[in-house]
Amino acid sequence: MNKVTIQSPFFMFNPKSYLYGEDILEMAKVAEEMAVKYPQVSVFITCPFANISQVAAVTDKAIVSAQHLDGIKPGRGMGHVLPEALKHAGAQASFINHAERPLTFDEIIKAVERADELGIVTIVCANSLKEARAIATLEPDIILCEPTELIGTGNTSDVSYVTSTNEAIKAISPKTLVMQAAGISSSQDVYDVIKLGADGTGCTSGITNAVNPKEMFRDMVAAAAKAHKEKE
């Protein structure tokens, strides 16, 4: 099945379990607004499983992402996240191997294969250069390079980590897009990491904890667009 086309730069708002229900729908509308305003930026909105169909109903240009999927097929699997169910609900992408929902390498392989079969964009997380290299051999759509110890700290990855992981992944899987998102907490962080060569970035607490989350979301997407334009 065909996947939605992802452009560089891209920006992901991943509110994890901070938002649900009407709150996530309000932010999905902002994602759609920014995807329309900046067609050169692929804007993702990640949401809880229970809200995927509702978010998909209020978005068109914005890309709806699930938080996780399991590499299983219809049948036995009580409590697992069935990829077909995500696709049916309207998810176009999914995280795999997030620090808060880690998988074994065998499970990652199966999850990527099942997502590919169904045309679901894969966002596979890597917490080190070594893990990023290993995951790149699977040729996922996106690798999220995010040292676990920096998540939620407001401290971004240093320049050497960003450049080395970018280069290592592209050397193995040139078509895989590289996402650098550790500690992103401001529009300046977004601008800086895109200027350093990342294909995309994203944020959680920098938006959810902002005085005005909607405006922070807007500012971050605008910063991604600005940085990309200045690189051209």
Protein backbone atom coordinates (compact mmCIF):
# COMPACT_ATOMS: atom_id res chain seq x y z
CA MET A 1 0.00 0.00 0.00
CA ASN A 2 1.16 3.53 -0.73
CA LYS A 3 2.41 5.69 2.12
CA VAL A 4 1.84 9.39 2.58
CA THR A 5 4.78 11.40 1.23
CA ILE A 6 7.01 12.93 3.91
CA GLN A 7 8.90 16.10 3.10
CA SER A 8 12.01 17.53 4.66
CA PRO A 9 11.65 19.46 6.86
CA PHE A 10 9.00 17.83 8.99
CA PHE A 11 7.75 18.60 12.47
CA MET A 12 6.01 16.27 14.93
CA PHE A 13 3.93 17.24 17.90
CA ASN A 14 3.86 14.18 20.16
CA PRO A 15 1.84 14.98 23.31
CA LYS A 16 2.21 11.37 24.57
CA SER A 17 -0.43 10.95 27.30
CA TYR A 18 -0.54 14.60 28.34
CA LEU A 19 -3.48 15.33 26.06
CA TYR A 20 -6.59 13.40 25.05
CA GLY A 21 -10.19 13.99 24.02
CA GLU A 22 -11.14 17.57 23.19
CA ASP A 23 -7.65 18.87 24.02
CA ILE A 24 -5.95 16.69 21.40
CA LEU A 25 -8.63 17.62 18.86
CA GLU A 26 -7.90 21.31 19.42
CA MET A 27 -4.20 20.73 18.80
CA ALA A 28 -4.99 18.60 15.74
CA LYS A 29 -6.77 21.61 14.27
CA VAL A 30 -3.61 23.67 14.82
CA ALA A 31 -1.57 20.94 13.10
CA GLU A 32 -3.93 21.10 10.12
CA GLU A 33 -3.75 24.91 10.08
CA MET A 34 0.05 24.85 9.96
CA ALA A 35 0.19 22.06 7.38
CA VAL A 36 -1.94 24.23 5.11
CA LYS A 37 0.02 27.40 5.85
CA TYR A 38 3.41 25.75 5.32
CA PRO A 39 2.92 23.13 2.59
CA GLN A 40 6.71 22.73 2.40
CA VAL A 41 6.69 21.24 5.93
CA SER A 42 5.21 17.83 6.76
CA VAL A 43 3.34 18.39 10.02
CA PHE A 44 2.58 15.36 12.22
CA ILE A 45 0.14 15.08 15.10
CA THR A 46 0.57 12.03 17.34
CA CYS A 47 -2.38 11.00 19.47
CA PRO A 48 -3.62 8.32 21.86
CA PHE A 49 -5.09 5.22 20.21
CA ALA A 50 -8.60 6.06 21.40
CA ASN A 51 -8.53 9.43 19.62
CA ILE A 52 -7.00 8.45 16.26
CA SER A 53 -10.29 8.28 14.35
CA GLN A 54 -11.47 11.59 15.82
CA VAL A 55 -8.19 13.32 14.94
CA ALA A 56 -8.24 11.84 11.44
CA ALA A 57 -11.73 13.30 10.97
CA VAL A 58 -10.54 16.88 11.57
CA THR A 59 -7.30 16.67 9.55
CA ASP A 60 -6.42 16.33 5.89
CA LYS A 61 -2.95 17.76 5.23
CA ALA A 62 -1.59 17.03 8.73
CA ILE A 63 -0.25 13.50 9.18
CA VAL A 64 -1.88 11.44 11.93
CA SER A 65 0.51 9.23 13.88
CA ALA A 66 0.01 6.47 16.42
CA GLN A 67 2.23 6.15 19.48
CA HIS A 68 3.06 2.47 18.88
CA LEU A 69 2.22 -0.62 16.86
CA ASP A 70 2.99 -4.31 17.24
CA GLY A 71 4.29 -6.52 14.45
CA ILE A 72 1.32 -8.87 14.51
CA LYS A 73 -1.41 -9.94 12.10
CA PRO A 74 -5.13 -10.29 12.83
CA GLY A 75 -5.80 -13.17 15.18
CA ARG A 76 -4.46 -13.89 18.65
CA GLY A 77 -2.83 -10.98 20.44
CA MET A 78 -4.93 -9.74 23.34
CA GLY A 79 -3.76 -6.30 24.41
CA HIS A 80 -1.49 -5.76 21.41
CA VAL A 81 -1.83 -2.87 18.96
CA LEU A 82 -2.91 -4.30 15.61
CA PRO A 83 -1.50 -2.36 12.61
CA GLU A 84 -4.65 -3.00 10.57
CA ALA A 85 -6.73 -1.40 13.32
CA LEU A 86 -4.54 1.70 13.31
CA LYS A 87 -4.80 1.98 9.54
CA HIS A 88 -8.57 1.59 9.67
CA ALA A 89 -8.83 4.30 12.34
CA GLY A 90 -6.94 6.76 10.13
CA ALA A 91 -3.34 6.55 11.31
CA GLN A 92 -0.82 7.23 8.55
CA ALA A 93 2.32 6.78 10.65
CA SER A 94 3.46 5.21 13.90
CA PHE A 95 6.30 5.40 16.37
CA ILE A 96 8.20 2.17 16.96
CA ASN A 97 10.62 1.51 19.85
CA HIS A 98 10.04 4.72 21.77
CA ALA A 99 12.01 5.00 25.03
CA GLU A 100 8.73 4.71 26.93
CA ARG A 101 7.64 1.66 24.89
CA PRO A 102 10.90 -0.12 23.93
CA LEU A 103 11.00 -3.25 21.77
CA THR A 104 13.59 -5.95 21.17
CA PHE A 105 15.36 -5.77 17.81
CA ASP A 106 13.37 -8.77 16.58
CA GLU A 107 10.16 -6.98 17.54
CA ILE A 108 11.33 -3.82 15.74
CA ILE A 109 11.97 -5.83 12.57
CA LYS A 110 8.48 -7.35 12.67
CA ALA A 111 6.84 -3.99 13.41
CA VAL A 112 8.62 -2.27 10.50
CA GLU A 113 7.71 -5.10 8.14
CA ARG A 114 4.03 -5.01 9.11
CA ALA A 115 3.90 -1.23 8.82
CA ASP A 116 5.48 -1.39 5.36
CA GLU A 117 2.92 -3.98 4.25
CA LEU A 118 0.10 -1.63 5.23
CA GLY A 119 1.59 1.63 3.99
CA ILE A 120 2.15 3.06 7.46
CA VAL A 121 5.08 5.48 7.81
CA THR A 122 7.62 4.15 10.33
CA ILE A 123 9.24 6.43 12.92
CA VAL A 124 11.77 4.21 14.66
CA CYS A 125 13.52 5.54 17.76
CA ALA A 126 17.24 5.11 18.48
CA ASN A 127 18.95 6.19 21.71
CA SER A 128 22.57 5.88 20.53
CA LEU A 129 24.73 6.03 17.43
CA LYS A 130 25.20 2.26 17.54
CA GLU A 131 21.45 1.63 17.73
CA ALA A 132 20.82 4.16 14.94
CA ARG A 133 23.23 2.29 12.66
CA ALA A 134 21.55 -1.03 13.40
CA ILE A 135 18.06 0.35 12.80
CA ALA A 136 19.16 2.01 9.56
CA THR A 137 19.73 -1.46 8.07
CA LEU A 138 15.93 -1.93 8.23
CA GLU A 139 15.48 1.17 6.03
CA PRO A 140 12.61 2.73 8.00
CA ASP A 141 11.04 5.96 6.77
CA ILE A 142 12.30 8.01 9.73
CA ILE A 143 14.79 7.37 12.51
CA LEU A 144 14.32 9.47 15.63
CA CYS A 145 17.75 9.99 17.18
CA GLU A 146 17.09 10.85 20.80
CA PRO A 147 19.39 9.93 23.69
CA THR A 148 17.05 8.68 26.42
CA GLU A 149 18.78 10.71 29.12
CA LEU A 150 17.93 13.99 27.34
CA ILE A 151 14.19 13.38 26.89
CA GLY A 152 12.19 16.06 28.68
CA THR A 153 15.28 17.81 30.07
CA GLY A 154 15.30 20.86 27.81
CA ASN A 155 18.90 19.96 26.88
CA THR A 156 19.38 19.29 23.19
CA SER A 157 21.88 16.89 21.61
CA ASP A 158 25.26 18.45 20.94
CA VAL A 159 26.48 19.29 17.44
CA SER A 160 28.75 16.25 17.17
CA TYR A 161 25.91 13.85 18.04
CA VAL A 162 23.56 15.46 15.52
CA THR A 163 26.07 15.46 12.67
CA SER A 164 27.48 11.99 13.37
CA THR A 165 24.07 10.31 13.54
CA ASN A 166 22.88 12.15 10.43
CA GLU A 167 25.93 10.96 8.48
CA ALA A 168 25.88 7.40 9.83
CA ILE A 169 22.22 6.83 8.97
CA LYS A 170 22.43 8.33 5.48
CA ALA A 171 25.51 6.21 4.72
CA ILE A 172 23.49 3.04 5.38
CA SER A 173 20.01 4.08 4.24
CA PRO A 174 20.09 7.26 2.11
CA LYS A 175 16.29 7.44 1.80
CA THR A 176 15.68 7.32 5.56
CA LEU A 177 14.89 10.72 7.03
CA VAL A 178 16.68 11.70 10.23
CA MET A 179 14.79 13.28 13.11
CA GLN A 180 16.66 15.00 15.96
CA ALA A 181 14.33 15.85 18.82
CA ALA A 182 16.11 15.48 22.17
CA GLY A 183 15.31 18.34 24.52
CA ILE A 184 13.55 20.53 21.94
CA SER A 185 11.80 23.20 23.97
CA SER A 186 11.71 26.38 21.85
CA SER A 187 11.37 27.56 18.28
CA GLN A 188 15.08 28.45 18.38
CA ASP A 189 15.88 24.80 19.16
CA VAL A 190 13.83 23.76 16.14
CA TYR A 191 15.60 26.27 13.92
CA ASP A 192 19.05 25.23 15.13
CA VAL A 193 18.60 21.48 14.65
CA ILE A 194 17.19 21.87 11.13
CA LYS A 195 20.07 24.19 10.23
CA LEU A 196 22.48 21.50 11.48
CA GLY A 197 21.13 19.10 8.88
CA ALA A 198 18.29 17.19 10.51
CA ASP A 199 15.41 16.37 8.17
CA GLY A 200 12.94 17.00 10.95
CA THR A 201 12.30 17.44 14.64
CA GLY A 202 9.48 17.39 17.15
CA CYS A 203 8.40 18.27 20.64
CA THR A 204 6.29 17.20 23.61
CA SER A 205 6.64 19.14 26.88
CA GLY A 206 7.96 22.28 25.18
CA ILE A 207 4.48 22.62 23.72
CA THR A 208 2.26 21.03 26.37
CA ASN A 209 3.90 23.07 29.17
CA ALA A 210 4.02 26.35 27.26
CA VAL A 211 1.98 29.34 28.43
CA ASN A 212 0.19 29.17 25.08
CA PRO A 213 0.65 25.67 23.61
CA LYS A 214 -1.07 26.51 20.34
CA GLU A 215 1.19 29.49 19.69
CA MET A 216 4.28 27.48 20.59
CA PHE A 217 3.23 24.80 18.11
CA ARG A 218 2.77 27.44 15.43
CA ASP A 219 6.11 29.07 16.21
CA MET A 220 7.97 25.75 16.01
CA VAL A 221 6.55 24.85 12.60
CA ALA A 222 7.37 28.33 11.34
CA ALA A 223 10.93 27.94 12.63
CA ALA A 224 11.35 24.65 10.76
CA ALA A 225 10.17 26.31 7.55
CA LYS A 226 12.50 29.27 8.05
CA ALA A 227 15.56 27.13 8.74
CA HIS A 228 14.92 24.96 5.69
CA LYS A 229 14.48 27.99 3.43
CA GLU A 230 17.78 29.47 4.63
CA LYS A 231 19.58 26.19 3.87
CA GLU A 232 18.48 26.25 0.24
